[in-house]
Amino acid sequence: MLDAADLWLLRTVYAGGSGHAWRDVIAVVTFLGSGWMLLGLVPILLLRRTRAQSAALLVTTAVTSAVVASVKVLAGRVRPCHALDWARAIAVAPPTDPSFPSGHAAGSFAFAVFIFASNRRVGGVLLGAATAVALSRVALGVHYPSDVVAGAFLGASLGWIGARIKERYAASTAVGLTDADSESVGQ
């Protein structure tokens, strides 16, 4: 059963009565949270100094996607555009997979928190963008607010874990190189 606050927030944010221009803006924002945007990391993988961080970020987002897909199957929550007469998917084709949790919110927050761990300024901007992506999913009628909150929490948690693992790996690699360098100097 849906919580009254969830339905109230959905009705408040839903853009079903908005003009086409506003709907188009929301559709562009929601596209920013799609997996296609990760293709922008491919050129960065070619640069030696950013390769490790980019690869770790791709792994983190892939793990996030797998966890989201698993939870969706377990939860099986029907999307508002399929469950409510007044909420239709606008500006996007109605997704057919379950609603809970939001994959767009999870992926966006995983990406943003991962970056935030090493660059607060860029990460802060990305956290704002991730919030806009999450809200866009509710505005388009394809998620309940609780879907995007759960997705944001899940993604932020996995992004933080991915960044910590990357930092520990980088630190252990740097220590290993330092030890090897000192041994070769002593010989």
N, C-alpha and C. Protein backbone atom coordinates (compact mmCIF):
# COMPACT_ATOMS: atom_id res chain seq x y z
N MET A 1 0.84 -1.19 0.00
CA MET A 1 0.00 0.00 0.00
C MET A 1 0.88 1.24 0.00
N LEU A 2 0.52 2.20 -0.83
CA LEU A 2 1.31 3.42 -0.92
C LEU A 2 1.02 4.36 0.24
N ASP A 3 2.05 4.93 0.73
CA ASP A 3 1.94 5.90 1.80
C ASP A 3 1.30 7.19 1.24
N ALA A 4 0.50 7.85 2.04
CA ALA A 4 -0.17 9.08 1.61
C ALA A 4 0.83 10.15 1.22
N ALA A 5 1.94 10.25 1.96
CA ALA A 5 2.96 11.25 1.64
C ALA A 5 3.59 10.98 0.27
N ASP A 6 3.80 9.70 -0.05
CA ASP A 6 4.38 9.33 -1.34
C ASP A 6 3.45 9.78 -2.48
N LEU A 7 2.16 9.51 -2.33
CA LEU A 7 1.19 9.93 -3.35
C LEU A 7 1.08 11.45 -3.44
N TRP A 8 1.10 12.12 -2.29
CA TRP A 8 1.00 13.58 -2.30
C TRP A 8 2.21 14.19 -3.01
N LEU A 9 3.41 13.68 -2.71
CA LEU A 9 4.62 14.18 -3.36
C LEU A 9 4.59 13.90 -4.86
N LEU A 10 4.13 12.72 -5.24
CA LEU A 10 4.01 12.39 -6.65
C LEU A 10 3.09 13.38 -7.36
N ARG A 11 1.93 13.64 -6.78
CA ARG A 11 0.99 14.60 -7.37
C ARG A 11 1.60 16.00 -7.45
N THR A 12 2.40 16.36 -6.46
CA THR A 12 3.00 17.69 -6.42
C THR A 12 4.09 17.87 -7.48
N VAL A 13 4.90 16.87 -7.69
CA VAL A 13 6.03 16.96 -8.61
C VAL A 13 5.66 16.56 -10.04
N TYR A 14 4.65 15.73 -10.20
CA TYR A 14 4.25 15.22 -11.53
C TYR A 14 3.98 16.38 -12.50
N ALA A 15 4.56 16.32 -13.66
CA ALA A 15 4.47 17.40 -14.64
C ALA A 15 3.43 17.12 -15.73
N GLY A 16 2.48 16.26 -15.45
CA GLY A 16 1.49 15.89 -16.46
C GLY A 16 0.70 17.06 -17.03
N GLY A 17 0.48 18.10 -16.25
CA GLY A 17 -0.27 19.25 -16.73
C GLY A 17 0.61 20.37 -17.26
N SER A 18 1.90 20.15 -17.33
CA SER A 18 2.84 21.19 -17.77
C SER A 18 2.88 21.30 -19.29
N GLY A 19 3.43 22.40 -19.75
CA GLY A 19 3.59 22.61 -21.19
C GLY A 19 4.68 21.73 -21.77
N HIS A 20 4.67 21.63 -23.09
CA HIS A 20 5.63 20.76 -23.79
C HIS A 20 7.07 21.19 -23.58
N ALA A 21 7.33 22.48 -23.52
CA ALA A 21 8.71 22.95 -23.34
C ALA A 21 9.27 22.47 -22.00
N TRP A 22 8.50 22.60 -20.93
CA TRP A 22 8.95 22.14 -19.61
C TRP A 22 9.14 20.63 -19.60
N ARG A 23 8.25 19.90 -20.24
CA ARG A 23 8.38 18.44 -20.31
C ARG A 23 9.66 18.06 -21.06
N ASP A 24 10.00 18.80 -22.09
CA ASP A 24 11.22 18.52 -22.85
C ASP A 24 12.46 18.76 -22.00
N VAL A 25 12.44 19.81 -21.20
CA VAL A 25 13.56 20.08 -20.28
C VAL A 25 13.71 18.92 -19.30
N ILE A 26 12.60 18.47 -18.75
CA ILE A 26 12.64 17.37 -17.79
C ILE A 26 13.17 16.10 -18.47
N ALA A 27 12.77 15.86 -19.72
CA ALA A 27 13.25 14.68 -20.45
C ALA A 27 14.76 14.74 -20.66
N VAL A 28 15.29 15.93 -20.94
CA VAL A 28 16.75 16.08 -21.10
C VAL A 28 17.45 15.79 -19.77
N VAL A 29 16.90 16.31 -18.68
CA VAL A 29 17.50 16.07 -17.36
C VAL A 29 17.49 14.57 -17.06
N THR A 30 16.39 13.90 -17.35
CA THR A 30 16.32 12.46 -17.06
C THR A 30 17.32 11.69 -17.92
N PHE A 31 17.58 12.16 -19.15
CA PHE A 31 18.56 11.50 -20.02
C PHE A 31 19.96 11.57 -19.41
N LEU A 32 20.25 12.65 -18.69
CA LEU A 32 21.56 12.78 -18.04
C LEU A 32 21.81 11.65 -17.05
N GLY A 33 20.76 11.05 -16.53
CA GLY A 33 20.90 9.96 -15.58
C GLY A 33 20.90 8.59 -16.21
N SER A 34 20.83 8.54 -17.53
CA SER A 34 20.81 7.24 -18.21
C SER A 34 22.22 6.68 -18.34
N GLY A 35 22.33 5.42 -18.52
CA GLY A 35 23.63 4.77 -18.67
C GLY A 35 24.41 5.24 -19.88
N TRP A 36 23.74 5.79 -20.87
CA TRP A 36 24.41 6.27 -22.07
C TRP A 36 25.42 7.36 -21.76
N MET A 37 25.19 8.11 -20.70
CA MET A 37 26.10 9.20 -20.35
C MET A 37 27.48 8.68 -19.92
N LEU A 38 27.55 7.42 -19.52
CA LEU A 38 28.83 6.84 -19.12
C LEU A 38 29.80 6.70 -20.29
N LEU A 39 29.28 6.74 -21.50
CA LEU A 39 30.16 6.68 -22.67
C LEU A 39 31.16 7.84 -22.67
N GLY A 40 30.80 8.92 -21.98
CA GLY A 40 31.72 10.04 -21.86
C GLY A 40 32.99 9.70 -21.10
N LEU A 41 32.97 8.62 -20.34
CA LEU A 41 34.17 8.20 -19.61
C LEU A 41 35.16 7.45 -20.48
N VAL A 42 34.72 6.96 -21.62
CA VAL A 42 35.60 6.14 -22.47
C VAL A 42 36.87 6.89 -22.85
N PRO A 43 36.80 8.14 -23.33
CA PRO A 43 38.06 8.83 -23.66
C PRO A 43 38.97 9.02 -22.45
N ILE A 44 38.37 9.20 -21.27
CA ILE A 44 39.16 9.40 -20.05
C ILE A 44 39.90 8.12 -19.68
N LEU A 45 39.35 6.97 -20.07
CA LEU A 45 40.03 5.70 -19.80
C LEU A 45 41.34 5.60 -20.58
N LEU A 46 41.46 6.35 -21.66
CA LEU A 46 42.66 6.31 -22.48
C LEU A 46 43.82 7.11 -21.87
N LEU A 47 43.51 8.03 -20.98
CA LEU A 47 44.55 8.83 -20.34
C LEU A 47 45.11 8.08 -19.14
N ARG A 48 46.40 7.91 -19.09
CA ARG A 48 47.04 7.12 -18.05
C ARG A 48 46.72 7.64 -16.64
N ARG A 49 46.74 8.96 -16.44
CA ARG A 49 46.57 9.51 -15.09
C ARG A 49 45.14 9.39 -14.58
N THR A 50 44.15 9.21 -15.45
CA THR A 50 42.76 9.09 -15.02
C THR A 50 42.18 7.69 -15.24
N ARG A 51 42.98 6.81 -15.77
CA ARG A 51 42.50 5.46 -16.12
C ARG A 51 41.99 4.68 -14.91
N ALA A 52 42.75 4.65 -13.83
CA ALA A 52 42.36 3.86 -12.66
C ALA A 52 41.06 4.39 -12.05
N GLN A 53 40.96 5.71 -11.90
CA GLN A 53 39.75 6.28 -11.31
C GLN A 53 38.54 6.04 -12.23
N SER A 54 38.72 6.21 -13.52
CA SER A 54 37.61 6.00 -14.46
C SER A 54 37.17 4.54 -14.47
N ALA A 55 38.13 3.63 -14.45
CA ALA A 55 37.79 2.20 -14.43
C ALA A 55 37.05 1.86 -13.14
N ALA A 56 37.52 2.39 -12.01
CA ALA A 56 36.85 2.14 -10.74
C ALA A 56 35.43 2.72 -10.74
N LEU A 57 35.26 3.87 -11.36
CA LEU A 57 33.94 4.49 -11.46
C LEU A 57 33.01 3.65 -12.33
N LEU A 58 33.52 3.13 -13.43
CA LEU A 58 32.70 2.25 -14.28
C LEU A 58 32.30 0.98 -13.54
N VAL A 59 33.22 0.40 -12.80
CA VAL A 59 32.90 -0.81 -12.02
C VAL A 59 31.85 -0.48 -10.96
N THR A 60 32.01 0.66 -10.30
CA THR A 60 31.05 1.06 -9.26
C THR A 60 29.65 1.25 -9.86
N THR A 61 29.56 1.88 -11.01
CA THR A 61 28.24 2.08 -11.62
C THR A 61 27.66 0.76 -12.14
N ALA A 62 28.52 -0.14 -12.61
CA ALA A 62 28.03 -1.45 -13.05
C ALA A 62 27.50 -2.25 -11.86
N VAL A 63 28.21 -2.22 -10.74
CA VAL A 63 27.73 -2.91 -9.54
C VAL A 63 26.41 -2.29 -9.08
N THR A 64 26.33 -0.96 -9.12
CA THR A 64 25.09 -0.28 -8.74
C THR A 64 23.94 -0.75 -9.62
N SER A 65 24.17 -0.83 -10.91
CA SER A 65 23.13 -1.28 -11.84
C SER A 65 22.69 -2.71 -11.53
N ALA A 66 23.63 -3.58 -11.23
CA ALA A 66 23.29 -4.97 -10.92
C ALA A 66 22.49 -5.07 -9.62
N VAL A 67 22.88 -4.29 -8.62
CA VAL A 67 22.15 -4.32 -7.35
C VAL A 67 20.73 -3.78 -7.56
N VAL A 68 20.60 -2.69 -8.30
CA VAL A 68 19.27 -2.12 -8.58
C VAL A 68 18.40 -3.14 -9.30
N ALA A 69 18.94 -3.79 -10.32
CA ALA A 69 18.16 -4.78 -11.07
C ALA A 69 17.68 -5.91 -10.15
N SER A 70 18.54 -6.34 -9.25
CA SER A 70 18.17 -7.42 -8.32
C SER A 70 17.07 -6.99 -7.37
N VAL A 71 17.20 -5.78 -6.83
CA VAL A 71 16.19 -5.28 -5.90
C VAL A 71 14.86 -5.07 -6.62
N LYS A 72 14.91 -4.60 -7.86
CA LYS A 72 13.67 -4.40 -8.64
C LYS A 72 12.91 -5.72 -8.78
N VAL A 73 13.64 -6.79 -9.07
CA VAL A 73 13.00 -8.09 -9.22
C VAL A 73 12.37 -8.54 -7.90
N LEU A 74 13.10 -8.34 -6.82
CA LEU A 74 12.59 -8.74 -5.50
C LEU A 74 11.39 -7.89 -5.07
N ALA A 75 11.46 -6.58 -5.31
CA ALA A 75 10.38 -5.68 -4.86
C ALA A 75 9.16 -5.78 -5.77
N GLY A 76 9.38 -5.80 -7.06
CA GLY A 76 8.29 -5.94 -8.02
C GLY A 76 7.25 -4.82 -8.00
N ARG A 77 7.61 -3.66 -7.57
CA ARG A 77 6.65 -2.55 -7.46
C ARG A 77 6.26 -2.02 -8.84
N VAL A 78 4.98 -1.89 -9.06
CA VAL A 78 4.46 -1.39 -10.33
C VAL A 78 4.66 0.12 -10.39
N ARG A 79 5.08 0.60 -11.53
CA ARG A 79 5.33 2.03 -11.72
C ARG A 79 4.02 2.82 -11.67
N PRO A 80 4.11 4.09 -11.24
CA PRO A 80 2.89 4.89 -11.16
C PRO A 80 2.19 5.06 -12.51
N CYS A 81 2.97 5.12 -13.59
CA CYS A 81 2.36 5.28 -14.92
C CYS A 81 1.55 4.05 -15.34
N HIS A 82 1.76 2.92 -14.67
CA HIS A 82 0.99 1.70 -14.94
C HIS A 82 -0.07 1.44 -13.87
N ALA A 83 0.10 2.06 -12.70
CA ALA A 83 -0.79 1.75 -11.58
C ALA A 83 -1.85 2.81 -11.31
N LEU A 84 -1.60 4.03 -11.72
CA LEU A 84 -2.52 5.13 -11.40
C LEU A 84 -3.13 5.70 -12.68
N ASP A 85 -4.43 5.88 -12.68
CA ASP A 85 -5.12 6.39 -13.88
C ASP A 85 -4.64 7.77 -14.29
N TRP A 86 -4.32 8.62 -13.34
CA TRP A 86 -3.97 10.01 -13.64
C TRP A 86 -2.49 10.23 -13.94
N ALA A 87 -1.65 9.24 -13.70
CA ALA A 87 -0.20 9.40 -13.92
C ALA A 87 0.23 8.61 -15.14
N ARG A 88 0.45 9.32 -16.22
CA ARG A 88 0.97 8.68 -17.43
C ARG A 88 2.44 9.05 -17.60
N ALA A 89 3.19 8.19 -18.22
CA ALA A 89 4.59 8.52 -18.52
C ALA A 89 4.56 9.62 -19.57
N ILE A 90 5.24 10.71 -19.28
CA ILE A 90 5.28 11.82 -20.23
C ILE A 90 6.70 12.03 -20.74
N ALA A 91 6.81 12.34 -22.00
CA ALA A 91 8.07 12.66 -22.67
C ALA A 91 9.04 11.48 -22.78
N VAL A 92 8.67 10.33 -22.25
CA VAL A 92 9.49 9.11 -22.36
C VAL A 92 8.55 7.93 -22.57
N ALA A 93 9.08 6.88 -23.17
CA ALA A 93 8.29 5.65 -23.29
C ALA A 93 8.14 5.04 -21.90
N PRO A 94 6.96 4.53 -21.57
CA PRO A 94 6.78 3.94 -20.24
C PRO A 94 7.69 2.73 -20.05
N PRO A 95 8.57 2.76 -19.05
CA PRO A 95 9.44 1.61 -18.79
C PRO A 95 8.60 0.39 -18.40
N THR A 96 9.13 -0.78 -18.68
CA THR A 96 8.38 -2.00 -18.40
C THR A 96 8.90 -2.74 -17.15
N ASP A 97 10.06 -2.35 -16.67
CA ASP A 97 10.60 -3.02 -15.48
C ASP A 97 9.96 -2.44 -14.22
N PRO A 98 10.14 -3.10 -13.08
CA PRO A 98 9.55 -2.58 -11.83
C PRO A 98 10.11 -1.21 -11.46
N SER A 99 9.40 -0.54 -10.57
CA SER A 99 9.68 0.85 -10.21
C SER A 99 10.70 1.03 -9.10
N PHE A 100 10.75 0.12 -8.13
CA PHE A 100 11.55 0.30 -6.93
C PHE A 100 12.81 -0.53 -6.96
N PRO A 101 13.97 0.11 -6.76
CA PRO A 101 14.30 1.51 -6.63
C PRO A 101 14.59 2.12 -8.00
N SER A 102 14.71 3.44 -8.04
CA SER A 102 15.01 4.12 -9.29
C SER A 102 16.46 3.89 -9.69
N GLY A 103 16.64 3.30 -10.87
CA GLY A 103 18.00 3.09 -11.39
C GLY A 103 18.67 4.39 -11.79
N HIS A 104 17.89 5.33 -12.34
CA HIS A 104 18.46 6.63 -12.71
C HIS A 104 19.00 7.34 -11.46
N ALA A 105 18.21 7.34 -10.39
CA ALA A 105 18.66 7.99 -9.16
C ALA A 105 19.87 7.27 -8.58
N ALA A 106 19.84 5.95 -8.56
CA ALA A 106 20.95 5.18 -8.00
C ALA A 106 22.23 5.42 -8.78
N GLY A 107 22.17 5.32 -10.09
CA GLY A 107 23.36 5.53 -10.91
C GLY A 107 23.91 6.93 -10.81
N SER A 108 23.01 7.92 -10.82
CA SER A 108 23.43 9.31 -10.73
C SER A 108 24.10 9.61 -9.39
N PHE A 109 23.52 9.11 -8.31
CA PHE A 109 24.11 9.35 -6.99
C PHE A 109 25.39 8.54 -6.79
N ALA A 110 25.48 7.34 -7.33
CA ALA A 110 26.72 6.57 -7.23
C ALA A 110 27.85 7.33 -7.92
N PHE A 111 27.57 7.84 -9.09
CA PHE A 111 28.56 8.60 -9.87
C PHE A 111 28.96 9.85 -9.09
N ALA A 112 27.97 10.63 -8.63
CA ALA A 112 28.24 11.90 -7.96
C ALA A 112 29.02 11.71 -6.66
N VAL A 113 28.63 10.75 -5.84
CA VAL A 113 29.31 10.53 -4.56
C VAL A 113 30.72 10.01 -4.79
N PHE A 114 30.90 9.15 -5.78
CA PHE A 114 32.24 8.65 -6.11
C PHE A 114 33.15 9.83 -6.44
N ILE A 115 32.69 10.74 -7.28
CA ILE A 115 33.49 11.92 -7.65
C ILE A 115 33.67 12.84 -6.44
N PHE A 116 32.61 13.04 -5.67
CA PHE A 116 32.66 13.91 -4.49
C PHE A 116 33.75 13.48 -3.51
N ALA A 117 33.99 12.17 -3.42
CA ALA A 117 35.00 11.65 -2.50
C ALA A 117 36.40 12.17 -2.82
N SER A 118 36.66 12.50 -4.08
CA SER A 118 37.99 12.99 -4.45
C SER A 118 38.00 14.45 -4.89
N ASN A 119 36.85 14.99 -5.26
CA ASN A 119 36.79 16.38 -5.73
C ASN A 119 35.46 16.98 -5.27
N ARG A 120 35.50 17.68 -4.17
CA ARG A 120 34.29 18.22 -3.55
C ARG A 120 33.55 19.21 -4.46
N ARG A 121 34.28 20.04 -5.18
CA ARG A 121 33.61 21.05 -6.00
C ARG A 121 32.85 20.40 -7.15
N VAL A 122 33.51 19.57 -7.90
CA VAL A 122 32.85 18.88 -9.02
C VAL A 122 31.77 17.94 -8.49
N GLY A 123 32.09 17.23 -7.42
CA GLY A 123 31.13 16.32 -6.82
C GLY A 123 29.88 17.02 -6.34
N GLY A 124 30.05 18.22 -5.79
CA GLY A 124 28.90 19.00 -5.34
C GLY A 124 27.97 19.36 -6.48
N VAL A 125 28.56 19.75 -7.61
CA VAL A 125 27.76 20.05 -8.80
C VAL A 125 27.04 18.79 -9.27
N LEU A 126 27.75 17.67 -9.26
CA LEU A 126 27.15 16.41 -9.69
C LEU A 126 26.04 15.94 -8.74
N LEU A 127 26.19 16.23 -7.45
CA LEU A 127 25.11 15.89 -6.51
C LEU A 127 23.85 16.70 -6.82
N GLY A 128 24.02 17.95 -7.20
CA GLY A 128 22.87 18.76 -7.62
C GLY A 128 22.23 18.19 -8.87
N ALA A 129 23.06 17.77 -9.82
CA ALA A 129 22.54 17.16 -11.05
C ALA A 129 21.84 15.84 -10.75
N ALA A 130 22.40 15.05 -9.84
CA ALA A 130 21.79 13.77 -9.47
C ALA A 130 20.41 14.00 -8.83
N THR A 131 20.31 15.03 -8.02
CA THR A 131 19.02 15.37 -7.42
C THR A 131 18.00 15.75 -8.48
N ALA A 132 18.44 16.53 -9.47
CA ALA A 132 17.55 16.92 -10.57
C ALA A 132 17.11 15.70 -11.38
N VAL A 133 18.03 14.77 -11.62
CA VAL A 133 17.69 13.54 -12.34
C VAL A 133 16.64 12.76 -11.55
N ALA A 134 16.86 12.61 -10.25
CA ALA A 134 15.91 11.86 -9.41
C ALA A 134 14.53 12.50 -9.46
N LEU A 135 14.46 13.82 -9.31
CA LEU A 135 13.17 14.51 -9.36
C LEU A 135 12.51 14.40 -10.73
N SER A 136 13.34 14.37 -11.78
CA SER A 136 12.78 14.25 -13.13
C SER A 136 12.02 12.94 -13.32
N ARG A 137 12.46 11.90 -12.65
CA ARG A 137 11.81 10.59 -12.79
C ARG A 137 10.40 10.62 -12.19
N VAL A 138 10.24 11.37 -11.10
CA VAL A 138 8.92 11.54 -10.50
C VAL A 138 8.08 12.45 -11.38
N ALA A 139 8.68 13.54 -11.85
CA ALA A 139 7.95 14.50 -12.70
C ALA A 139 7.43 13.85 -13.96
N LEU A 140 8.14 12.87 -14.49
CA LEU A 140 7.72 12.18 -15.71
C LEU A 140 6.70 11.08 -15.45
N GLY A 141 6.41 10.81 -14.18
CA GLY A 141 5.40 9.82 -13.84
C GLY A 141 5.85 8.38 -13.89
N VAL A 142 7.18 8.15 -13.92
CA VAL A 142 7.68 6.79 -14.02
C VAL A 142 8.21 6.23 -12.69
N HIS A 143 8.23 7.08 -11.65
CA HIS A 143 8.66 6.64 -10.32
C HIS A 143 7.87 7.35 -9.24
N TYR A 144 7.71 6.68 -8.13
CA TYR A 144 7.20 7.29 -6.92
C TYR A 144 8.37 7.99 -6.23
N PRO A 145 8.10 9.01 -5.41
CA PRO A 145 9.18 9.66 -4.67
C PRO A 145 10.01 8.69 -3.83
N SER A 146 9.37 7.71 -3.21
CA SER A 146 10.13 6.75 -2.39
C SER A 146 11.07 5.90 -3.25
N ASP A 147 10.73 5.69 -4.51
CA ASP A 147 11.63 4.97 -5.42
C ASP A 147 12.93 5.73 -5.61
N VAL A 148 12.82 7.05 -5.81
CA VAL A 148 14.03 7.84 -6.07
C VAL A 148 14.82 8.07 -4.77
N VAL A 149 14.14 8.17 -3.65
CA VAL A 149 14.86 8.30 -2.38
C VAL A 149 15.65 7.02 -2.11
N ALA A 150 15.02 5.88 -2.30
CA ALA A 150 15.72 4.60 -2.09
C ALA A 150 16.87 4.45 -3.09
N GLY A 151 16.62 4.81 -4.35
CA GLY A 151 17.67 4.74 -5.35
C GLY A 151 18.84 5.66 -5.02
N ALA A 152 18.52 6.88 -4.58
CA ALA A 152 19.57 7.84 -4.21
C ALA A 152 20.40 7.32 -3.04
N PHE A 153 19.74 6.77 -2.03
CA PHE A 153 20.46 6.23 -0.88
C PHE A 153 21.33 5.04 -1.28
N LEU A 154 20.76 4.14 -2.06
CA LEU A 154 21.51 2.97 -2.51
C LEU A 154 22.71 3.39 -3.35
N GLY A 155 22.48 4.28 -4.32
CA GLY A 155 23.57 4.73 -5.18
C GLY A 155 24.65 5.48 -4.42
N ALA A 156 24.23 6.37 -3.51
CA ALA A 156 25.21 7.13 -2.72
C ALA A 156 26.06 6.18 -1.87
N SER A 157 25.42 5.18 -1.29
CA SER A 157 26.15 4.20 -0.48
C SER A 157 27.16 3.43 -1.31
N LEU A 158 26.73 2.96 -2.47
CA LEU A 158 27.64 2.19 -3.33
C LEU A 158 28.73 3.07 -3.93
N GLY A 159 28.41 4.32 -4.24
CA GLY A 159 29.42 5.26 -4.73
C GLY A 159 30.49 5.52 -3.69
N TRP A 160 30.05 5.69 -2.44
CA TRP A 160 31.00 5.91 -1.34
C TRP A 160 31.89 4.68 -1.13
N ILE A 161 31.26 3.50 -1.15
CA ILE A 161 32.03 2.26 -0.98
C ILE A 161 33.03 2.10 -2.13
N GLY A 162 32.58 2.35 -3.36
CA GLY A 162 33.48 2.24 -4.51
C GLY A 162 34.66 3.20 -4.41
N ALA A 163 34.40 4.43 -3.98
CA ALA A 163 35.48 5.41 -3.82
C ALA A 163 36.47 4.99 -2.74
N ARG A 164 35.95 4.43 -1.63
CA ARG A 164 36.83 3.98 -0.55
C ARG A 164 37.71 2.80 -1.02
N ILE A 165 37.11 1.88 -1.75
CA ILE A 165 37.88 0.73 -2.26
C ILE A 165 38.97 1.22 -3.21
N LYS A 166 38.61 2.15 -4.09
CA LYS A 166 39.58 2.70 -5.04
C LYS A 166 40.72 3.39 -4.29
N GLU A 167 40.40 4.17 -3.26
CA GLU A 167 41.43 4.86 -2.47
C GLU A 167 42.36 3.87 -1.77
N ARG A 168 41.79 2.82 -1.19
CA ARG A 168 42.61 1.82 -0.50
C ARG A 168 43.51 1.09 -1.49
N TYR A 169 42.95 0.76 -2.66
CA TYR A 169 43.74 0.08 -3.69
C TYR A 169 44.88 0.99 -4.15
N ALA A 170 44.56 2.27 -4.39
CA ALA A 170 45.58 3.22 -4.84
C ALA A 170 46.65 3.39 -3.77
N ALA A 171 46.25 3.46 -2.50
CA ALA A 171 47.21 3.62 -1.40
C ALA A 171 48.10 2.39 -1.28
N SER A 172 47.52 1.20 -1.41
CA SER A 172 48.32 -0.02 -1.28
C SER A 172 49.26 -0.17 -2.47
N THR A 173 48.84 0.26 -3.64
CA THR A 173 49.70 0.21 -4.82
C THR A 173 50.85 1.20 -4.66
N ALA A 174 50.56 2.40 -4.16
CA ALA A 174 51.59 3.41 -3.96
C ALA A 174 52.60 2.94 -2.91
N VAL A 175 52.13 2.30 -1.83
CA VAL A 175 53.02 1.79 -0.80
C VAL A 175 53.89 0.69 -1.38
N GLY A 176 53.28 -0.19 -2.19
CA GLY A 176 54.04 -1.27 -2.82
C GLY A 176 55.12 -0.72 -3.73
N LEU A 177 54.83 0.31 -4.50
CA LEU A 177 55.83 0.92 -5.37
C LEU A 177 56.92 1.60 -4.57
N THR A 178 56.56 2.26 -3.49
CA THR A 178 57.54 2.93 -2.65
C THR A 178 58.49 1.93 -2.03
N ASP A 179 57.96 0.82 -1.51
CA ASP A 179 58.79 -0.22 -0.92
C ASP A 179 59.74 -0.81 -1.96
N ALA A 180 59.23 -1.08 -3.15
CA ALA A 180 60.07 -1.65 -4.21
C ALA A 180 61.14 -0.66 -4.64
N ASP A 181 60.77 0.62 -4.72
CA ASP A 181 61.74 1.64 -5.11
C ASP A 181 62.85 1.76 -4.06
N SER A 182 62.49 1.70 -2.76
CA SER A 182 63.51 1.82 -1.72
C SER A 182 64.44 0.61 -1.70
N GLU A 183 63.89 -0.57 -1.98
CA GLU A 183 64.74 -1.76 -1.99
C GLU A 183 65.74 -1.71 -3.13
N SER A 184 65.30 -1.23 -4.31
CA SER A 184 66.22 -1.19 -5.45
C SER A 184 67.29 -0.13 -5.24
N VAL A 185 66.99 0.94 -4.51
CA VAL A 185 67.98 1.98 -4.24
C VAL A 185 69.02 1.46 -3.28
N GLY A 186 68.62 0.63 -2.30
CA GLY A 186 69.56 0.11 -1.30
C GLY A 186 70.51 -0.93 -1.87
N GLN A 187 70.26 -1.48 -3.03
CA GLN A 187 71.13 -2.56 -3.57
C GLN A 187 72.27 -2.04 -4.34
